[in-house]
Amino acid sequence: MKKTQHIAFWTFSVLFGFSLFAGICELFGVSFCLFGIPLHGRLSIPICISCTGLAVTVVRILKKRAQRAENPLLYRLLTAGISVFCAVLLFICIPLSLFTATSYADSRLSADRAYKIFFEEKADTGEPIVHVYKRYSPFLAVYRNSAVLYGFSGELSDVEVVWSEGSCAVQYPGYSEEAESAEDLQMLSRKILYESSK
């Protein structure tokens, strides 16, 4: 049982440390990916799981030590402090996960596999947001730029991406500002720069 607790402790500790590290990296535009999709917006899930598991494991260890200690007050205070810390972290992370969760409906990969575009659909406007990432590996990507496909009208499967050096052109069915009727549907294009000019 003691060995199992130590394994659980280190497993949850590593997961918690990785989740915090990934969250800090997100502040600098660096995203860890799972199945080719950036984890941002969902990092609070492993943080909550690892924090809860770590807190339960540590509390159980401290409870056993308190039973054998001459002065169990210190262990009880540590147990209370860890429980409060876990509760506060969960109270912060759960609402944040609801506000920052990002769901990608589709994606496009460049021919050289160096860049990837993700389409985020906004239910309120119907105009997808395009996010461009530079891929360093299937598990690591860095944010480059984003743009809204204004006037979009159609399916994401109709969108085509023309890649060029330092930028790409996203071509999609939609209506321009001058459109007056449903018959004015045309192919619009949005250029997105993802490499700064030297």
N, C-alpha and C. Protein backbone atom coordinates (compact mmCIF):
# COMPACT_ATOMS: atom_id res chain seq x y z
N MET A 1 0.84 -1.22 0.00
CA MET A 1 0.00 0.00 0.00
C MET A 1 0.86 1.25 0.00
N LYS A 2 1.98 1.20 0.76
CA LYS A 2 2.87 2.34 0.83
C LYS A 2 3.50 2.62 -0.52
N LYS A 3 3.88 1.54 -1.23
CA LYS A 3 4.47 1.69 -2.55
C LYS A 3 3.47 2.28 -3.53
N THR A 4 2.23 1.85 -3.45
CA THR A 4 1.18 2.37 -4.33
C THR A 4 0.96 3.86 -4.11
N GLN A 5 0.99 4.28 -2.86
CA GLN A 5 0.81 5.70 -2.55
C GLN A 5 1.95 6.54 -3.10
N HIS A 6 3.17 6.02 -3.01
CA HIS A 6 4.32 6.76 -3.54
C HIS A 6 4.26 6.85 -5.07
N ILE A 7 3.82 5.77 -5.71
CA ILE A 7 3.67 5.81 -7.16
C ILE A 7 2.62 6.84 -7.56
N ALA A 8 1.49 6.84 -6.83
CA ALA A 8 0.42 7.82 -7.10
C ALA A 8 0.92 9.23 -6.86
N PHE A 9 1.68 9.41 -5.79
CA PHE A 9 2.20 10.74 -5.46
C PHE A 9 3.08 11.28 -6.59
N TRP A 10 4.01 10.49 -7.07
CA TRP A 10 4.92 10.96 -8.11
C TRP A 10 4.21 11.10 -9.46
N THR A 11 3.23 10.24 -9.72
CA THR A 11 2.47 10.34 -10.97
C THR A 11 1.69 11.65 -11.02
N PHE A 12 0.96 11.94 -9.94
CA PHE A 12 0.19 13.19 -9.90
C PHE A 12 1.11 14.41 -9.83
N SER A 13 2.26 14.27 -9.18
CA SER A 13 3.21 15.39 -9.10
C SER A 13 3.75 15.75 -10.48
N VAL A 14 4.13 14.73 -11.25
CA VAL A 14 4.65 14.97 -12.60
C VAL A 14 3.57 15.58 -13.49
N LEU A 15 2.34 15.06 -13.41
CA LEU A 15 1.24 15.60 -14.21
C LEU A 15 0.94 17.04 -13.82
N PHE A 16 0.96 17.33 -12.53
CA PHE A 16 0.69 18.69 -12.04
C PHE A 16 1.79 19.65 -12.51
N GLY A 17 3.04 19.20 -12.38
CA GLY A 17 4.16 20.04 -12.81
C GLY A 17 4.13 20.30 -14.31
N PHE A 18 3.84 19.26 -15.09
CA PHE A 18 3.75 19.43 -16.54
C PHE A 18 2.62 20.38 -16.92
N SER A 19 1.49 20.25 -16.27
CA SER A 19 0.33 21.10 -16.57
C SER A 19 0.64 22.57 -16.28
N LEU A 20 1.29 22.83 -15.15
CA LEU A 20 1.66 24.22 -14.82
C LEU A 20 2.69 24.75 -15.81
N PHE A 21 3.66 23.91 -16.18
CA PHE A 21 4.67 24.31 -17.16
C PHE A 21 4.04 24.62 -18.51
N ALA A 22 3.09 23.77 -18.93
CA ALA A 22 2.39 23.99 -20.20
C ALA A 22 1.57 25.28 -20.15
N GLY A 23 0.96 25.55 -18.99
CA GLY A 23 0.19 26.80 -18.84
C GLY A 23 1.07 28.02 -18.94
N ILE A 24 2.26 27.97 -18.35
CA ILE A 24 3.20 29.09 -18.44
C ILE A 24 3.67 29.27 -19.89
N CYS A 25 3.93 28.16 -20.59
CA CYS A 25 4.35 28.24 -21.99
C CYS A 25 3.28 28.88 -22.86
N GLU A 26 1.99 28.64 -22.53
CA GLU A 26 0.90 29.23 -23.30
C GLU A 26 0.94 30.76 -23.25
N LEU A 27 1.43 31.30 -22.14
CA LEU A 27 1.53 32.76 -22.02
C LEU A 27 2.49 33.34 -23.06
N PHE A 28 3.41 32.50 -23.55
CA PHE A 28 4.39 32.93 -24.55
C PHE A 28 4.06 32.39 -25.94
N GLY A 29 2.85 31.86 -26.10
CA GLY A 29 2.41 31.39 -27.40
C GLY A 29 2.87 30.00 -27.77
N VAL A 30 3.47 29.27 -26.84
CA VAL A 30 3.95 27.91 -27.10
C VAL A 30 2.90 26.92 -26.62
N SER A 31 2.45 26.05 -27.53
CA SER A 31 1.39 25.11 -27.19
C SER A 31 1.86 23.68 -27.32
N PHE A 32 1.58 22.88 -26.30
CA PHE A 32 1.78 21.45 -26.40
C PHE A 32 0.55 20.85 -27.06
N CYS A 33 0.76 19.85 -27.90
CA CYS A 33 -0.33 19.29 -28.69
C CYS A 33 -0.57 17.83 -28.35
N LEU A 34 -1.81 17.44 -28.47
CA LEU A 34 -2.21 16.05 -28.28
C LEU A 34 -3.09 15.68 -29.46
N PHE A 35 -2.70 14.64 -30.20
CA PHE A 35 -3.39 14.26 -31.43
C PHE A 35 -3.43 15.42 -32.42
N GLY A 36 -2.36 16.22 -32.43
CA GLY A 36 -2.24 17.33 -33.38
C GLY A 36 -3.04 18.56 -33.03
N ILE A 37 -3.67 18.61 -31.84
CA ILE A 37 -4.51 19.74 -31.44
C ILE A 37 -3.90 20.41 -30.21
N PRO A 38 -3.72 21.74 -30.24
CA PRO A 38 -3.17 22.43 -29.06
C PRO A 38 -4.03 22.20 -27.83
N LEU A 39 -3.38 22.06 -26.69
CA LEU A 39 -4.08 21.75 -25.44
C LEU A 39 -4.62 22.98 -24.73
N HIS A 40 -4.28 24.19 -25.24
CA HIS A 40 -4.70 25.38 -24.50
C HIS A 40 -6.22 25.43 -24.36
N GLY A 41 -6.65 26.01 -23.26
CA GLY A 41 -8.08 26.05 -22.99
C GLY A 41 -8.57 24.84 -22.24
N ARG A 42 -7.79 23.74 -22.32
CA ARG A 42 -8.18 22.52 -21.61
C ARG A 42 -7.14 22.10 -20.58
N LEU A 43 -6.15 22.95 -20.38
CA LEU A 43 -5.09 22.62 -19.42
C LEU A 43 -5.61 22.56 -18.00
N SER A 44 -6.72 23.24 -17.74
CA SER A 44 -7.27 23.21 -16.39
C SER A 44 -7.76 21.81 -16.00
N ILE A 45 -8.08 20.98 -17.00
CA ILE A 45 -8.56 19.63 -16.72
C ILE A 45 -7.46 18.78 -16.09
N PRO A 46 -6.26 18.66 -16.73
CA PRO A 46 -5.20 17.90 -16.05
C PRO A 46 -4.73 18.57 -14.76
N ILE A 47 -4.82 19.90 -14.69
CA ILE A 47 -4.44 20.58 -13.45
C ILE A 47 -5.39 20.17 -12.32
N CYS A 48 -6.68 20.17 -12.60
CA CYS A 48 -7.68 19.78 -11.58
C CYS A 48 -7.51 18.32 -11.17
N ILE A 49 -7.32 17.44 -12.16
CA ILE A 49 -7.18 16.01 -11.85
C ILE A 49 -5.92 15.75 -11.03
N SER A 50 -4.80 16.34 -11.47
CA SER A 50 -3.54 16.10 -10.77
C SER A 50 -3.53 16.73 -9.39
N CYS A 51 -4.12 17.93 -9.27
CA CYS A 51 -4.18 18.61 -7.97
C CYS A 51 -5.02 17.81 -6.98
N THR A 52 -6.18 17.34 -7.44
CA THR A 52 -7.05 16.55 -6.57
C THR A 52 -6.38 15.24 -6.16
N GLY A 53 -5.80 14.54 -7.14
CA GLY A 53 -5.13 13.28 -6.85
C GLY A 53 -3.95 13.46 -5.92
N LEU A 54 -3.18 14.53 -6.15
CA LEU A 54 -2.02 14.81 -5.31
C LEU A 54 -2.44 15.15 -3.89
N ALA A 55 -3.50 15.96 -3.77
CA ALA A 55 -3.99 16.33 -2.45
C ALA A 55 -4.49 15.13 -1.67
N VAL A 56 -5.26 14.26 -2.33
CA VAL A 56 -5.80 13.06 -1.66
C VAL A 56 -4.66 12.15 -1.21
N THR A 57 -3.67 11.96 -2.10
CA THR A 57 -2.53 11.10 -1.77
C THR A 57 -1.74 11.64 -0.58
N VAL A 58 -1.44 12.95 -0.61
CA VAL A 58 -0.66 13.56 0.46
C VAL A 58 -1.43 13.53 1.78
N VAL A 59 -2.72 13.80 1.72
CA VAL A 59 -3.54 13.79 2.93
C VAL A 59 -3.55 12.39 3.56
N ARG A 60 -3.63 11.35 2.73
CA ARG A 60 -3.62 9.98 3.26
C ARG A 60 -2.27 9.64 3.90
N ILE A 61 -1.19 10.11 3.27
CA ILE A 61 0.15 9.88 3.84
C ILE A 61 0.30 10.60 5.18
N LEU A 62 -0.16 11.87 5.21
CA LEU A 62 -0.06 12.65 6.44
C LEU A 62 -0.94 12.08 7.55
N LYS A 63 -2.08 11.53 7.16
CA LYS A 63 -3.00 10.95 8.15
C LYS A 63 -2.36 9.75 8.83
N LYS A 64 -1.66 8.94 8.06
CA LYS A 64 -0.98 7.77 8.64
C LYS A 64 0.17 8.20 9.55
N ARG A 65 0.89 9.24 9.11
CA ARG A 65 2.01 9.71 9.93
C ARG A 65 1.50 10.36 11.22
N ALA A 66 0.34 11.01 11.13
CA ALA A 66 -0.23 11.66 12.31
C ALA A 66 -0.61 10.63 13.37
N GLN A 67 -1.04 9.46 12.93
CA GLN A 67 -1.43 8.41 13.86
C GLN A 67 -0.24 7.88 14.66
N ARG A 68 0.96 7.98 14.04
CA ARG A 68 2.16 7.47 14.72
C ARG A 68 2.95 8.57 15.42
N ALA A 69 2.60 9.83 15.17
CA ALA A 69 3.36 10.95 15.73
C ALA A 69 2.93 11.25 17.16
N GLU A 70 3.89 11.79 17.93
CA GLU A 70 3.59 12.19 19.31
C GLU A 70 2.77 13.48 19.32
N ASN A 71 3.06 14.35 18.36
CA ASN A 71 2.31 15.60 18.25
C ASN A 71 1.68 15.68 16.86
N PRO A 72 0.46 15.20 16.73
CA PRO A 72 -0.18 15.14 15.40
C PRO A 72 -0.73 16.48 14.92
N LEU A 73 -0.63 17.53 15.74
CA LEU A 73 -1.20 18.82 15.37
C LEU A 73 -0.59 19.36 14.08
N LEU A 74 0.73 19.23 13.93
CA LEU A 74 1.40 19.74 12.74
C LEU A 74 0.88 19.04 11.49
N TYR A 75 0.68 17.75 11.56
CA TYR A 75 0.19 17.00 10.41
C TYR A 75 -1.25 17.39 10.07
N ARG A 76 -2.02 17.66 11.12
CA ARG A 76 -3.41 18.08 10.87
C ARG A 76 -3.46 19.46 10.22
N LEU A 77 -2.56 20.35 10.63
CA LEU A 77 -2.50 21.68 10.01
C LEU A 77 -2.07 21.57 8.56
N LEU A 78 -1.09 20.72 8.29
CA LEU A 78 -0.66 20.51 6.90
C LEU A 78 -1.79 19.93 6.06
N THR A 79 -2.52 18.99 6.63
CA THR A 79 -3.65 18.39 5.92
C THR A 79 -4.70 19.45 5.58
N ALA A 80 -5.01 20.31 6.56
CA ALA A 80 -5.99 21.37 6.32
C ALA A 80 -5.49 22.35 5.27
N GLY A 81 -4.20 22.71 5.34
CA GLY A 81 -3.64 23.65 4.37
C GLY A 81 -3.66 23.11 2.95
N ILE A 82 -3.31 21.84 2.80
CA ILE A 82 -3.33 21.22 1.47
C ILE A 82 -4.76 21.12 0.94
N SER A 83 -5.69 20.79 1.79
CA SER A 83 -7.10 20.70 1.37
C SER A 83 -7.63 22.06 0.91
N VAL A 84 -7.29 23.11 1.65
CA VAL A 84 -7.73 24.46 1.29
C VAL A 84 -7.10 24.89 -0.04
N PHE A 85 -5.79 24.62 -0.19
CA PHE A 85 -5.09 24.97 -1.42
C PHE A 85 -5.73 24.28 -2.62
N CYS A 86 -6.03 23.00 -2.49
CA CYS A 86 -6.66 22.25 -3.57
C CYS A 86 -8.04 22.82 -3.91
N ALA A 87 -8.82 23.13 -2.88
CA ALA A 87 -10.16 23.68 -3.10
C ALA A 87 -10.10 25.03 -3.81
N VAL A 88 -9.15 25.89 -3.42
CA VAL A 88 -9.00 27.21 -4.05
C VAL A 88 -8.58 27.05 -5.50
N LEU A 89 -7.63 26.16 -5.76
CA LEU A 89 -7.16 25.95 -7.12
C LEU A 89 -8.28 25.43 -8.02
N LEU A 90 -9.07 24.51 -7.51
CA LEU A 90 -10.21 24.00 -8.27
C LEU A 90 -11.23 25.09 -8.52
N PHE A 91 -11.45 25.93 -7.51
CA PHE A 91 -12.40 27.04 -7.63
C PHE A 91 -11.97 28.02 -8.72
N ILE A 92 -10.66 28.17 -8.91
CA ILE A 92 -10.14 29.07 -9.93
C ILE A 92 -10.12 28.39 -11.31
N CYS A 93 -9.68 27.14 -11.35
CA CYS A 93 -9.46 26.45 -12.62
C CYS A 93 -10.75 26.07 -13.35
N ILE A 94 -11.75 25.64 -12.60
CA ILE A 94 -12.99 25.20 -13.25
C ILE A 94 -13.66 26.34 -14.02
N PRO A 95 -13.85 27.54 -13.43
CA PRO A 95 -14.42 28.63 -14.23
C PRO A 95 -13.52 29.04 -15.39
N LEU A 96 -12.20 29.03 -15.17
CA LEU A 96 -11.28 29.39 -16.24
C LEU A 96 -11.39 28.44 -17.42
N SER A 97 -11.59 27.16 -17.13
CA SER A 97 -11.71 26.18 -18.21
C SER A 97 -12.95 26.45 -19.06
N LEU A 98 -14.00 26.96 -18.45
CA LEU A 98 -15.22 27.27 -19.19
C LEU A 98 -15.04 28.50 -20.07
N PHE A 99 -14.27 29.48 -19.59
CA PHE A 99 -14.07 30.71 -20.34
C PHE A 99 -13.00 30.60 -21.41
N THR A 100 -12.02 29.74 -21.21
CA THR A 100 -10.89 29.67 -22.14
C THR A 100 -10.92 28.46 -23.06
N ALA A 101 -11.89 27.58 -22.88
CA ALA A 101 -11.95 26.38 -23.73
C ALA A 101 -12.10 26.78 -25.19
N THR A 102 -11.28 26.18 -26.04
CA THR A 102 -11.31 26.45 -27.47
C THR A 102 -11.56 25.16 -28.21
N SER A 103 -12.58 25.16 -29.05
CA SER A 103 -12.93 23.96 -29.82
C SER A 103 -12.65 24.22 -31.29
N TYR A 104 -11.79 23.42 -31.87
CA TYR A 104 -11.46 23.57 -33.29
C TYR A 104 -12.31 22.61 -34.11
N ALA A 105 -12.93 23.16 -35.17
CA ALA A 105 -13.83 22.37 -35.99
C ALA A 105 -13.11 21.68 -37.14
N ASP A 106 -11.98 22.25 -37.58
CA ASP A 106 -11.27 21.69 -38.72
C ASP A 106 -9.85 22.24 -38.71
N SER A 107 -9.02 21.71 -39.59
CA SER A 107 -7.63 22.17 -39.67
C SER A 107 -7.08 21.90 -41.07
N ARG A 108 -5.97 22.59 -41.38
CA ARG A 108 -5.26 22.38 -42.64
C ARG A 108 -3.77 22.37 -42.35
N LEU A 109 -3.06 21.48 -43.00
CA LEU A 109 -1.62 21.34 -42.80
C LEU A 109 -0.91 21.73 -44.08
N SER A 110 0.15 22.51 -43.96
CA SER A 110 0.91 22.91 -45.15
C SER A 110 1.62 21.70 -45.74
N ALA A 111 2.01 21.81 -47.01
CA ALA A 111 2.63 20.69 -47.71
C ALA A 111 3.93 20.25 -47.05
N ASP A 112 4.70 21.20 -46.52
CA ASP A 112 5.95 20.85 -45.86
C ASP A 112 5.76 20.49 -44.39
N ARG A 113 4.50 20.51 -43.94
CA ARG A 113 4.11 20.14 -42.57
C ARG A 113 4.72 21.06 -41.52
N ALA A 114 5.17 22.23 -41.95
CA ALA A 114 5.79 23.19 -41.02
C ALA A 114 4.76 24.10 -40.37
N TYR A 115 3.59 24.26 -40.98
CA TYR A 115 2.56 25.14 -40.46
C TYR A 115 1.21 24.44 -40.48
N LYS A 116 0.37 24.83 -39.55
CA LYS A 116 -0.97 24.24 -39.48
C LYS A 116 -1.98 25.33 -39.13
N ILE A 117 -3.10 25.27 -39.80
CA ILE A 117 -4.20 26.21 -39.56
C ILE A 117 -5.33 25.47 -38.83
N PHE A 118 -5.88 26.13 -37.82
CA PHE A 118 -7.03 25.60 -37.10
C PHE A 118 -8.20 26.55 -37.27
N PHE A 119 -9.39 25.99 -37.47
CA PHE A 119 -10.60 26.79 -37.63
C PHE A 119 -11.43 26.71 -36.35
N GLU A 120 -11.63 27.86 -35.74
CA GLU A 120 -12.46 27.95 -34.55
C GLU A 120 -13.79 28.56 -34.95
N GLU A 121 -14.86 27.81 -34.76
CA GLU A 121 -16.18 28.30 -35.17
C GLU A 121 -16.85 29.06 -34.04
N LYS A 122 -17.32 30.27 -34.36
CA LYS A 122 -18.07 31.08 -33.40
C LYS A 122 -19.56 30.94 -33.69
N ALA A 123 -20.28 30.35 -32.75
CA ALA A 123 -21.70 30.07 -32.96
C ALA A 123 -22.51 31.36 -33.09
N ASP A 124 -22.10 32.42 -32.42
CA ASP A 124 -22.89 33.65 -32.42
C ASP A 124 -22.80 34.41 -33.74
N THR A 125 -21.67 34.35 -34.44
CA THR A 125 -21.50 35.10 -35.69
C THR A 125 -21.47 34.21 -36.92
N GLY A 126 -21.08 32.96 -36.76
CA GLY A 126 -20.97 32.07 -37.91
C GLY A 126 -19.73 32.32 -38.73
N GLU A 127 -18.87 33.23 -38.28
CA GLU A 127 -17.64 33.55 -39.01
C GLU A 127 -16.46 32.88 -38.30
N PRO A 128 -15.85 31.90 -38.94
CA PRO A 128 -14.76 31.17 -38.29
C PRO A 128 -13.54 32.06 -38.04
N ILE A 129 -12.81 31.72 -36.99
CA ILE A 129 -11.54 32.39 -36.71
C ILE A 129 -10.43 31.41 -37.09
N VAL A 130 -9.50 31.89 -37.89
CA VAL A 130 -8.39 31.07 -38.36
C VAL A 130 -7.17 31.33 -37.48
N HIS A 131 -6.58 30.27 -36.95
CA HIS A 131 -5.38 30.38 -36.13
C HIS A 131 -4.24 29.66 -36.84
N VAL A 132 -3.13 30.35 -37.02
CA VAL A 132 -1.97 29.75 -37.69
C VAL A 132 -0.90 29.43 -36.65
N TYR A 133 -0.40 28.20 -36.70
CA TYR A 133 0.65 27.74 -35.80
C TYR A 133 1.83 27.21 -36.60
N LYS A 134 3.02 27.48 -36.12
CA LYS A 134 4.22 26.87 -36.67
C LYS A 134 4.48 25.59 -35.90
N ARG A 135 4.63 24.48 -36.62
CA ARG A 135 4.84 23.18 -35.98
C ARG A 135 6.33 22.88 -35.88
N TYR A 136 6.76 22.54 -34.67
CA TYR A 136 8.13 22.09 -34.47
C TYR A 136 8.19 20.58 -34.34
N SER A 137 7.04 20.00 -34.02
CA SER A 137 6.89 18.54 -33.96
C SER A 137 5.39 18.28 -33.82
N PRO A 138 4.97 17.03 -33.91
CA PRO A 138 3.54 16.75 -33.70
C PRO A 138 3.05 17.12 -32.31
N PHE A 139 3.98 17.36 -31.38
CA PHE A 139 3.60 17.63 -30.00
C PHE A 139 3.90 19.06 -29.55
N LEU A 140 4.45 19.89 -30.43
CA LEU A 140 4.82 21.25 -30.05
C LEU A 140 4.56 22.21 -31.20
N ALA A 141 3.83 23.28 -30.90
CA ALA A 141 3.51 24.28 -31.92
C ALA A 141 3.56 25.67 -31.28
N VAL A 142 3.86 26.66 -32.11
CA VAL A 142 3.96 28.04 -31.64
C VAL A 142 2.98 28.90 -32.42
N TYR A 143 2.17 29.67 -31.71
CA TYR A 143 1.18 30.55 -32.32
C TYR A 143 1.85 31.62 -33.17
N ARG A 144 1.30 31.87 -34.37
CA ARG A 144 1.85 32.88 -35.26
C ARG A 144 0.88 34.04 -35.53
N ASN A 145 -0.36 33.71 -35.90
CA ASN A 145 -1.30 34.78 -36.24
C ASN A 145 -2.71 34.21 -36.30
N SER A 146 -3.68 35.10 -36.37
CA SER A 146 -5.08 34.68 -36.52
C SER A 146 -5.86 35.73 -37.28
N ALA A 147 -6.99 35.33 -37.83
CA ALA A 147 -7.83 36.26 -38.60
C ALA A 147 -9.25 35.71 -38.63
N VAL A 148 -10.20 36.61 -38.80
CA VAL A 148 -11.61 36.24 -38.90
C VAL A 148 -12.00 36.16 -40.37
N LEU A 149 -12.72 35.14 -40.76
CA LEU A 149 -13.19 35.01 -42.13
C LEU A 149 -14.52 35.75 -42.26
N TYR A 150 -14.43 37.05 -42.46
CA TYR A 150 -15.62 37.90 -42.53
C TYR A 150 -16.50 37.53 -43.73
N GLY A 151 -17.81 37.49 -43.50
CA GLY A 151 -18.76 37.20 -44.56
C GLY A 151 -18.84 35.73 -44.93
N PHE A 152 -18.22 34.87 -44.14
CA PHE A 152 -18.21 33.44 -44.46
C PHE A 152 -19.62 32.89 -44.56
N SER A 153 -19.84 32.07 -45.60
CA SER A 153 -21.14 31.43 -45.78
C SER A 153 -20.93 30.11 -46.50
N GLY A 154 -20.96 29.05 -45.76
CA GLY A 154 -20.72 27.75 -46.38
C GLY A 154 -20.24 26.76 -45.34
N GLU A 155 -19.49 25.78 -45.81
CA GLU A 155 -18.94 24.76 -44.94
C GLU A 155 -17.43 24.89 -44.90
N LEU A 156 -16.85 24.48 -43.80
CA LEU A 156 -15.39 24.55 -43.68
C LEU A 156 -14.69 23.66 -44.69
N SER A 157 -15.38 22.62 -45.15
CA SER A 157 -14.80 21.75 -46.17
C SER A 157 -14.61 22.48 -47.50
N ASP A 158 -15.32 23.62 -47.68
CA ASP A 158 -15.19 24.40 -48.91
C ASP A 158 -14.00 25.36 -48.87
N VAL A 159 -13.37 25.48 -47.71
CA VAL A 159 -12.27 26.43 -47.56
C VAL A 159 -10.99 25.82 -48.13
N GLU A 160 -10.26 26.64 -48.87
CA GLU A 160 -8.98 26.22 -49.43
C GLU A 160 -7.89 27.16 -48.91
N VAL A 161 -6.72 26.60 -48.68
CA VAL A 161 -5.59 27.39 -48.20
C VAL A 161 -4.45 27.29 -49.20
N VAL A 162 -4.01 28.45 -49.66
CA VAL A 162 -2.89 28.52 -50.60
C VAL A 162 -1.68 29.02 -49.80
N TRP A 163 -0.69 28.15 -49.66
CA TRP A 163 0.48 28.48 -48.86
C TRP A 163 1.55 29.14 -49.71
N SER A 164 2.21 30.13 -49.14
CA SER A 164 3.35 30.77 -49.79
C SER A 164 4.36 31.11 -48.71
N GLU A 165 5.51 31.60 -49.09
CA GLU A 165 6.56 31.89 -48.12
C GLU A 165 6.18 33.07 -47.23
N GLY A 166 6.05 32.81 -45.95
CA GLY A 166 5.76 33.87 -44.99
C GLY A 166 4.30 34.22 -44.84
N SER A 167 3.42 33.63 -45.65
CA SER A 167 1.98 33.95 -45.57
C SER A 167 1.17 32.85 -46.23
N CYS A 168 -0.13 32.94 -46.05
CA CYS A 168 -1.04 32.03 -46.73
C CYS A 168 -2.32 32.79 -47.06
N ALA A 169 -3.01 32.33 -48.08
CA ALA A 169 -4.28 32.93 -48.49
C ALA A 169 -5.39 31.92 -48.22
N VAL A 170 -6.34 32.31 -47.40
CA VAL A 170 -7.47 31.44 -47.09
C VAL A 170 -8.63 31.85 -47.99
N GLN A 171 -9.02 30.96 -48.87
CA GLN A 171 -10.10 31.23 -49.82
C GLN A 171 -11.36 30.52 -49.37
N TYR A 172 -12.46 31.26 -49.29
CA TYR A 172 -13.68 30.69 -48.72
C TYR A 172 -14.91 31.31 -49.37
N PRO A 173 -16.04 30.57 -49.40
CA PRO A 173 -17.27 31.13 -49.94
C PRO A 173 -17.89 32.12 -48.96
N GLY A 174 -18.34 33.25 -49.48
CA GLY A 174 -18.91 34.25 -48.59
C GLY A 174 -19.46 35.44 -49.34
N TYR A 175 -19.90 36.40 -48.57
CA TYR A 175 -20.49 37.62 -49.14
C TYR A 175 -19.63 38.82 -48.77
N SER A 176 -19.29 39.61 -49.76
CA SER A 176 -18.53 40.83 -49.51
C SER A 176 -19.46 41.91 -48.96
N GLU A 177 -18.90 43.01 -48.54
CA GLU A 177 -19.70 44.10 -47.99
C GLU A 177 -20.65 44.69 -49.03
N GLU A 178 -20.30 44.54 -50.31
CA GLU A 178 -21.14 45.10 -51.38
C GLU A 178 -22.28 44.16 -51.79
N ALA A 179 -22.33 42.96 -51.24
CA ALA A 179 -23.36 41.99 -51.62
C ALA A 179 -24.74 42.50 -51.26
N GLU A 180 -25.68 42.28 -52.16
CA GLU A 180 -27.05 42.77 -51.95
C GLU A 180 -28.08 41.66 -51.89
N SER A 181 -27.73 40.47 -52.38
CA SER A 181 -28.68 39.36 -52.37
C SER A 181 -27.94 38.05 -52.19
N ALA A 182 -28.72 36.97 -52.04
CA ALA A 182 -28.12 35.65 -51.85
C ALA A 182 -27.37 35.18 -53.08
N GLU A 183 -27.69 35.76 -54.23
CA GLU A 183 -27.01 35.38 -55.47
C GLU A 183 -25.60 35.96 -55.57
N ASP A 184 -25.24 36.83 -54.65
CA ASP A 184 -23.93 37.49 -54.71
C ASP A 184 -22.83 36.70 -53.99
N LEU A 185 -23.11 35.42 -53.72
CA LEU A 185 -22.11 34.58 -53.07
C LEU A 185 -20.89 34.44 -53.98
N GLN A 186 -19.72 34.60 -53.42
CA GLN A 186 -18.49 34.50 -54.20
C GLN A 186 -17.37 33.92 -53.34
N MET A 187 -16.24 33.67 -53.99
CA MET A 187 -15.08 33.17 -53.26
C MET A 187 -14.28 34.37 -52.77
N LEU A 188 -14.19 34.50 -51.46
CA LEU A 188 -13.42 35.58 -50.85
C LEU A 188 -12.05 35.05 -50.44
N SER A 189 -11.13 35.95 -50.20
CA SER A 189 -9.78 35.54 -49.82
C SER A 189 -9.28 36.41 -48.68
N ARG A 190 -8.64 35.77 -47.73
CA ARG A 190 -8.05 36.48 -46.59
C ARG A 190 -6.59 36.08 -46.46
N LYS A 191 -5.70 37.07 -46.57
CA LYS A 191 -4.28 36.80 -46.47
C LYS A 191 -3.84 36.89 -45.01
N ILE A 192 -3.08 35.91 -44.59
CA ILE A 192 -2.61 35.87 -43.21
C ILE A 192 -1.09 35.76 -43.21
N LEU A 193 -0.44 36.72 -42.61
CA LEU A 193 1.01 36.69 -42.49
C LEU A 193 1.39 35.90 -41.24
N TYR A 194 2.38 35.04 -41.35
CA TYR A 194 2.80 34.29 -40.18
C TYR A 194 4.31 34.33 -39.95
N GLU A 195 5.03 35.02 -40.81
CA GLU A 195 6.46 35.22 -40.60
C GLU A 195 6.76 36.69 -40.78
N SER A 196 7.44 37.29 -39.82
CA SER A 196 7.78 38.72 -39.90
C SER A 196 8.80 38.94 -41.00
N SER A 197 8.63 40.00 -41.74
CA SER A 197 9.55 40.32 -42.83
C SER A 197 10.90 40.76 -42.27
N LYS A 198 11.97 40.35 -42.94
CA LYS A 198 13.30 40.68 -42.47
C LYS A 198 13.80 41.92 -43.17
